[in-house]
Amino acid sequence: MATTDKYIVWLHGEIKTPPFGTESRLKAGFLMRRLQKGELLEMPDSRPMPSIGKNCHELRINDANKIWRIVYYIDADAIVILEVFVKKTQQTPKEVIEQCKKRLSRYKQITGE
């Protein structure tokens, strides 16, 4: 890891095969590496999630028969993973949004943000 790369902080979820397909896991890792290097991703790979908070986004990973979402927060020196889940409906479930808000709030309390 280069000295300018952001850390990845896992608050919840994991990316492994299974349940992720091999190609989906590799794509998720590739996209997260780009985030670590400070790149801002756009659609179709990522979209903002202002319903959770400022600088919150979701990675969009399509698997063979599942649609994965990785909700993350961009901090000054870290990419904070708030949730990894399978998306089954058009809208992000309210429970996921609320849980991400709680995790983000705890993270900010701990880091003094």
N, C-alpha and C. Protein backbone atom coordinates (compact mmCIF):
# COMPACT_ATOMS: atom_id res chain seq x y z
N MET A 1 0.85 -1.18 0.00
CA MET A 1 0.00 0.00 0.00
C MET A 1 0.89 1.24 0.00
N ALA A 2 0.66 2.13 -0.95
CA ALA A 2 1.42 3.37 -1.01
C ALA A 2 1.03 4.28 0.15
N THR A 3 1.91 5.18 0.53
CA THR A 3 1.65 6.03 1.69
C THR A 3 0.47 6.96 1.47
N THR A 4 0.08 7.20 0.23
CA THR A 4 -1.05 8.09 -0.04
C THR A 4 -2.37 7.34 -0.14
N ASP A 5 -2.33 6.01 -0.11
CA ASP A 5 -3.56 5.23 -0.20
C ASP A 5 -4.38 5.36 1.08
N LYS A 6 -5.70 5.33 0.91
CA LYS A 6 -6.59 5.37 2.06
C LYS A 6 -6.71 3.96 2.64
N TYR A 7 -6.90 3.89 3.94
CA TYR A 7 -7.15 2.62 4.60
C TYR A 7 -8.58 2.17 4.29
N ILE A 8 -8.84 0.90 4.39
CA ILE A 8 -10.21 0.40 4.34
C ILE A 8 -10.57 -0.03 5.76
N VAL A 9 -11.65 0.55 6.27
CA VAL A 9 -12.13 0.25 7.61
C VAL A 9 -13.45 -0.50 7.46
N TRP A 10 -13.49 -1.74 7.95
CA TRP A 10 -14.68 -2.58 7.84
C TRP A 10 -15.51 -2.45 9.11
N LEU A 11 -16.70 -1.87 8.99
CA LEU A 11 -17.61 -1.83 10.14
C LEU A 11 -18.62 -2.97 10.07
N HIS A 12 -18.88 -3.45 8.86
CA HIS A 12 -19.84 -4.56 8.73
C HIS A 12 -19.72 -5.19 7.35
N GLY A 13 -19.91 -6.50 7.29
CA GLY A 13 -19.94 -7.21 6.02
C GLY A 13 -18.57 -7.71 5.61
N GLU A 14 -18.58 -8.51 4.56
CA GLU A 14 -17.34 -9.02 4.00
C GLU A 14 -17.57 -9.37 2.55
N ILE A 15 -16.48 -9.48 1.83
CA ILE A 15 -16.54 -9.83 0.42
C ILE A 15 -15.70 -11.07 0.23
N LYS A 16 -16.37 -12.20 0.04
CA LYS A 16 -15.65 -13.45 -0.14
C LYS A 16 -16.47 -14.37 -1.04
N THR A 17 -15.79 -15.35 -1.57
CA THR A 17 -16.45 -16.34 -2.43
C THR A 17 -16.50 -17.66 -1.69
N PRO A 18 -17.70 -18.28 -1.55
CA PRO A 18 -19.02 -17.69 -1.69
C PRO A 18 -19.34 -16.77 -0.52
N PRO A 19 -20.33 -15.98 -0.54
CA PRO A 19 -21.45 -15.95 -1.46
C PRO A 19 -21.21 -15.17 -2.75
N PHE A 20 -20.22 -14.27 -2.78
CA PHE A 20 -19.91 -13.57 -4.02
C PHE A 20 -19.37 -14.56 -5.03
N GLY A 21 -19.75 -14.40 -6.29
CA GLY A 21 -19.11 -15.16 -7.35
C GLY A 21 -17.68 -14.65 -7.50
N THR A 22 -16.81 -15.45 -8.07
CA THR A 22 -15.40 -15.07 -8.20
C THR A 22 -15.24 -13.75 -8.96
N GLU A 23 -15.91 -13.60 -10.10
CA GLU A 23 -15.79 -12.38 -10.89
C GLU A 23 -16.31 -11.17 -10.12
N SER A 24 -17.41 -11.34 -9.40
CA SER A 24 -17.97 -10.23 -8.63
C SER A 24 -17.05 -9.81 -7.49
N ARG A 25 -16.45 -10.80 -6.83
CA ARG A 25 -15.51 -10.50 -5.75
C ARG A 25 -14.31 -9.75 -6.30
N LEU A 26 -13.80 -10.17 -7.44
CA LEU A 26 -12.66 -9.49 -8.05
C LEU A 26 -13.02 -8.07 -8.46
N LYS A 27 -14.22 -7.89 -9.03
CA LYS A 27 -14.66 -6.54 -9.42
C LYS A 27 -14.77 -5.64 -8.19
N ALA A 28 -15.34 -6.18 -7.11
CA ALA A 28 -15.47 -5.39 -5.88
C ALA A 28 -14.08 -4.98 -5.38
N GLY A 29 -13.15 -5.91 -5.38
CA GLY A 29 -11.79 -5.59 -4.94
C GLY A 29 -11.13 -4.55 -5.83
N PHE A 30 -11.33 -4.67 -7.14
CA PHE A 30 -10.76 -3.71 -8.09
C PHE A 30 -11.33 -2.31 -7.84
N LEU A 31 -12.65 -2.22 -7.66
CA LEU A 31 -13.28 -0.91 -7.42
C LEU A 31 -12.84 -0.32 -6.08
N MET A 32 -12.73 -1.16 -5.06
CA MET A 32 -12.29 -0.67 -3.75
C MET A 32 -10.84 -0.18 -3.82
N ARG A 33 -10.03 -0.83 -4.60
CA ARG A 33 -8.63 -0.39 -4.76
C ARG A 33 -8.59 0.99 -5.41
N ARG A 34 -9.45 1.22 -6.37
CA ARG A 34 -9.53 2.55 -7.00
C ARG A 34 -9.95 3.61 -5.98
N LEU A 35 -10.90 3.24 -5.10
CA LEU A 35 -11.31 4.17 -4.04
C LEU A 35 -10.15 4.47 -3.10
N GLN A 36 -9.37 3.44 -2.75
CA GLN A 36 -8.22 3.63 -1.87
C GLN A 36 -7.23 4.63 -2.45
N LYS A 37 -7.12 4.64 -3.75
CA LYS A 37 -6.17 5.54 -4.42
C LYS A 37 -6.74 6.96 -4.56
N GLY A 38 -7.97 7.18 -4.08
CA GLY A 38 -8.55 8.52 -4.09
C GLY A 38 -9.44 8.81 -5.29
N GLU A 39 -9.67 7.81 -6.13
CA GLU A 39 -10.52 8.02 -7.30
C GLU A 39 -11.98 8.08 -6.87
N LEU A 40 -12.72 9.00 -7.45
CA LEU A 40 -14.15 9.09 -7.19
C LEU A 40 -14.87 8.32 -8.30
N LEU A 41 -15.63 7.33 -7.92
CA LEU A 41 -16.33 6.50 -8.90
C LEU A 41 -17.72 7.05 -9.17
N GLU A 42 -18.19 6.82 -10.38
CA GLU A 42 -19.51 7.29 -10.79
C GLU A 42 -20.33 6.12 -11.31
N MET A 43 -21.58 6.40 -11.70
CA MET A 43 -22.44 5.39 -12.30
C MET A 43 -21.75 4.83 -13.54
N PRO A 44 -21.86 3.58 -13.82
CA PRO A 44 -22.74 2.61 -13.19
C PRO A 44 -22.10 1.88 -12.01
N ASP A 45 -20.84 2.18 -11.68
CA ASP A 45 -20.14 1.46 -10.61
C ASP A 45 -20.53 1.93 -9.21
N SER A 46 -20.85 3.19 -9.06
CA SER A 46 -21.12 3.74 -7.74
C SER A 46 -22.12 4.88 -7.86
N ARG A 47 -22.91 5.05 -6.80
CA ARG A 47 -23.82 6.19 -6.78
C ARG A 47 -23.87 6.77 -5.37
N PRO A 48 -24.11 8.07 -5.26
CA PRO A 48 -24.19 8.71 -3.95
C PRO A 48 -25.39 8.20 -3.16
N MET A 49 -25.24 8.20 -1.83
CA MET A 49 -26.32 7.79 -0.92
C MET A 49 -26.54 8.91 0.11
N PRO A 50 -27.05 10.07 -0.34
CA PRO A 50 -27.25 11.18 0.60
C PRO A 50 -28.26 10.86 1.70
N SER A 51 -29.10 9.85 1.49
CA SER A 51 -30.06 9.46 2.53
C SER A 51 -29.33 8.91 3.77
N ILE A 52 -28.08 8.49 3.59
CA ILE A 52 -27.28 8.00 4.72
C ILE A 52 -26.42 9.13 5.29
N GLY A 53 -25.81 9.90 4.40
CA GLY A 53 -24.98 11.00 4.86
C GLY A 53 -24.09 11.53 3.76
N LYS A 54 -23.49 12.67 4.05
CA LYS A 54 -22.55 13.28 3.11
C LYS A 54 -21.35 12.33 2.92
N ASN A 55 -20.87 12.22 1.70
CA ASN A 55 -19.74 11.37 1.32
C ASN A 55 -20.05 9.87 1.45
N CYS A 56 -21.34 9.51 1.47
CA CYS A 56 -21.73 8.10 1.48
C CYS A 56 -22.15 7.70 0.07
N HIS A 57 -21.76 6.49 -0.30
CA HIS A 57 -22.03 5.98 -1.64
C HIS A 57 -22.29 4.48 -1.55
N GLU A 58 -22.72 3.89 -2.67
CA GLU A 58 -22.84 2.45 -2.74
C GLU A 58 -22.17 1.95 -4.01
N LEU A 59 -21.34 0.93 -3.85
CA LEU A 59 -20.80 0.23 -5.01
C LEU A 59 -21.88 -0.69 -5.52
N ARG A 60 -21.94 -0.82 -6.83
CA ARG A 60 -22.97 -1.64 -7.47
C ARG A 60 -22.27 -2.79 -8.20
N ILE A 61 -22.46 -4.00 -7.68
CA ILE A 61 -21.80 -5.18 -8.22
C ILE A 61 -22.87 -6.18 -8.67
N ASN A 62 -22.90 -6.48 -9.95
CA ASN A 62 -23.85 -7.47 -10.46
C ASN A 62 -23.17 -8.83 -10.54
N ASP A 63 -23.76 -9.79 -9.86
CA ASP A 63 -23.28 -11.16 -9.87
C ASP A 63 -24.16 -11.93 -10.86
N ALA A 64 -23.87 -13.20 -11.07
CA ALA A 64 -24.63 -14.01 -12.02
C ALA A 64 -26.13 -13.96 -11.73
N ASN A 65 -26.52 -14.11 -10.49
CA ASN A 65 -27.95 -14.10 -10.15
C ASN A 65 -28.28 -13.24 -8.94
N LYS A 66 -27.36 -12.37 -8.55
CA LYS A 66 -27.57 -11.47 -7.41
C LYS A 66 -27.07 -10.08 -7.75
N ILE A 67 -27.63 -9.11 -7.08
CA ILE A 67 -27.16 -7.73 -7.21
C ILE A 67 -26.63 -7.31 -5.85
N TRP A 68 -25.32 -7.14 -5.75
CA TRP A 68 -24.67 -6.79 -4.49
C TRP A 68 -24.53 -5.28 -4.37
N ARG A 69 -24.60 -4.81 -3.15
CA ARG A 69 -24.34 -3.41 -2.84
C ARG A 69 -23.36 -3.36 -1.67
N ILE A 70 -22.41 -2.45 -1.78
CA ILE A 70 -21.44 -2.20 -0.72
C ILE A 70 -21.56 -0.71 -0.38
N VAL A 71 -22.12 -0.42 0.78
CA VAL A 71 -22.30 0.98 1.20
C VAL A 71 -21.01 1.42 1.88
N TYR A 72 -20.48 2.56 1.43
CA TYR A 72 -19.22 3.05 1.99
C TYR A 72 -19.26 4.56 2.21
N TYR A 73 -18.40 5.00 3.09
CA TYR A 73 -18.23 6.41 3.44
C TYR A 73 -16.80 6.79 3.12
N ILE A 74 -16.62 7.93 2.46
CA ILE A 74 -15.28 8.41 2.13
C ILE A 74 -14.84 9.39 3.20
N ASP A 75 -13.87 8.97 4.01
CA ASP A 75 -13.29 9.81 5.04
C ASP A 75 -11.99 10.39 4.48
N ALA A 76 -11.38 11.30 5.20
CA ALA A 76 -10.15 11.94 4.73
C ALA A 76 -9.04 10.93 4.45
N ASP A 77 -8.92 9.92 5.31
CA ASP A 77 -7.82 8.96 5.14
C ASP A 77 -8.28 7.51 5.10
N ALA A 78 -9.60 7.30 4.90
CA ALA A 78 -10.10 5.92 4.91
C ALA A 78 -11.37 5.79 4.06
N ILE A 79 -11.57 4.58 3.58
CA ILE A 79 -12.85 4.18 2.99
C ILE A 79 -13.50 3.28 4.04
N VAL A 80 -14.65 3.70 4.54
CA VAL A 80 -15.31 3.01 5.63
C VAL A 80 -16.48 2.18 5.08
N ILE A 81 -16.40 0.87 5.23
CA ILE A 81 -17.46 -0.02 4.74
C ILE A 81 -18.54 -0.11 5.81
N LEU A 82 -19.74 0.35 5.46
CA LEU A 82 -20.85 0.37 6.39
C LEU A 82 -21.75 -0.85 6.27
N GLU A 83 -21.85 -1.42 5.06
CA GLU A 83 -22.75 -2.56 4.86
C GLU A 83 -22.46 -3.23 3.52
N VAL A 84 -22.65 -4.54 3.48
CA VAL A 84 -22.59 -5.34 2.26
C VAL A 84 -23.87 -6.16 2.25
N PHE A 85 -24.65 -6.04 1.17
CA PHE A 85 -25.92 -6.77 1.14
C PHE A 85 -26.34 -7.07 -0.30
N VAL A 86 -27.28 -8.00 -0.41
CA VAL A 86 -27.89 -8.33 -1.70
C VAL A 86 -29.12 -7.46 -1.86
N LYS A 87 -29.17 -6.76 -2.97
CA LYS A 87 -30.31 -5.89 -3.21
C LYS A 87 -31.39 -6.68 -3.93
N LYS A 88 -32.60 -6.68 -3.35
CA LYS A 88 -33.69 -7.48 -3.89
C LYS A 88 -34.83 -6.63 -4.45
N THR A 89 -34.82 -5.33 -4.16
CA THR A 89 -35.87 -4.44 -4.64
C THR A 89 -35.22 -3.20 -5.25
N GLN A 90 -36.04 -2.37 -5.89
CA GLN A 90 -35.52 -1.14 -6.50
C GLN A 90 -34.92 -0.20 -5.47
N GLN A 91 -35.58 -0.07 -4.32
CA GLN A 91 -35.11 0.84 -3.29
C GLN A 91 -34.26 0.12 -2.26
N THR A 92 -33.30 0.86 -1.72
CA THR A 92 -32.51 0.31 -0.62
C THR A 92 -33.42 0.17 0.60
N PRO A 93 -33.44 -1.00 1.24
CA PRO A 93 -34.32 -1.19 2.40
C PRO A 93 -34.05 -0.15 3.50
N LYS A 94 -35.13 0.31 4.12
CA LYS A 94 -35.01 1.32 5.19
C LYS A 94 -34.14 0.82 6.33
N GLU A 95 -34.21 -0.49 6.62
CA GLU A 95 -33.41 -1.06 7.71
C GLU A 95 -31.91 -0.90 7.40
N VAL A 96 -31.54 -1.08 6.14
CA VAL A 96 -30.14 -0.93 5.74
C VAL A 96 -29.71 0.52 5.90
N ILE A 97 -30.54 1.44 5.46
CA ILE A 97 -30.21 2.87 5.58
C ILE A 97 -30.04 3.25 7.05
N GLU A 98 -30.97 2.83 7.90
CA GLU A 98 -30.90 3.17 9.32
C GLU A 98 -29.67 2.56 9.99
N GLN A 99 -29.36 1.31 9.66
CA GLN A 99 -28.19 0.65 10.24
C GLN A 99 -26.90 1.36 9.79
N CYS A 100 -26.85 1.77 8.54
CA CYS A 100 -25.67 2.49 8.04
C CYS A 100 -25.52 3.84 8.74
N LYS A 101 -26.62 4.53 8.96
CA LYS A 101 -26.57 5.81 9.68
C LYS A 101 -26.01 5.62 11.09
N LYS A 102 -26.45 4.56 11.77
CA LYS A 102 -25.96 4.28 13.12
C LYS A 102 -24.47 3.97 13.11
N ARG A 103 -24.05 3.13 12.18
CA ARG A 103 -22.62 2.78 12.10
C ARG A 103 -21.78 4.00 11.78
N LEU A 104 -22.26 4.84 10.87
CA LEU A 104 -21.52 6.05 10.51
C LEU A 104 -21.43 6.99 11.71
N SER A 105 -22.51 7.14 12.44
CA SER A 105 -22.51 7.99 13.62
C SER A 105 -21.51 7.49 14.66
N ARG A 106 -21.49 6.18 14.90
CA ARG A 106 -20.52 5.61 15.85
C ARG A 106 -19.09 5.83 15.37
N TYR A 107 -18.86 5.63 14.08
CA TYR A 107 -17.53 5.83 13.52
C TYR A 107 -17.07 7.28 13.75
N LYS A 108 -17.97 8.22 13.47
CA LYS A 108 -17.61 9.64 13.64
C LYS A 108 -17.36 9.99 15.11
N GLN A 109 -18.12 9.38 16.02
CA GLN A 109 -17.89 9.61 17.44
C GLN A 109 -16.51 9.12 17.84
N ILE A 110 -16.14 7.94 17.40
CA ILE A 110 -14.85 7.35 17.75
C ILE A 110 -13.69 8.15 17.16
N THR A 111 -13.85 8.62 15.93
CA THR A 111 -12.75 9.33 15.27
C THR A 111 -12.75 10.82 15.57
N GLY A 112 -13.80 11.30 16.28
CA GLY A 112 -13.86 12.72 16.65
C GLY A 112 -14.20 13.62 15.48
N GLU A 113 -14.84 13.08 14.51
CA GLU A 113 -15.20 13.85 13.32
C GLU A 113 -16.40 14.73 13.57
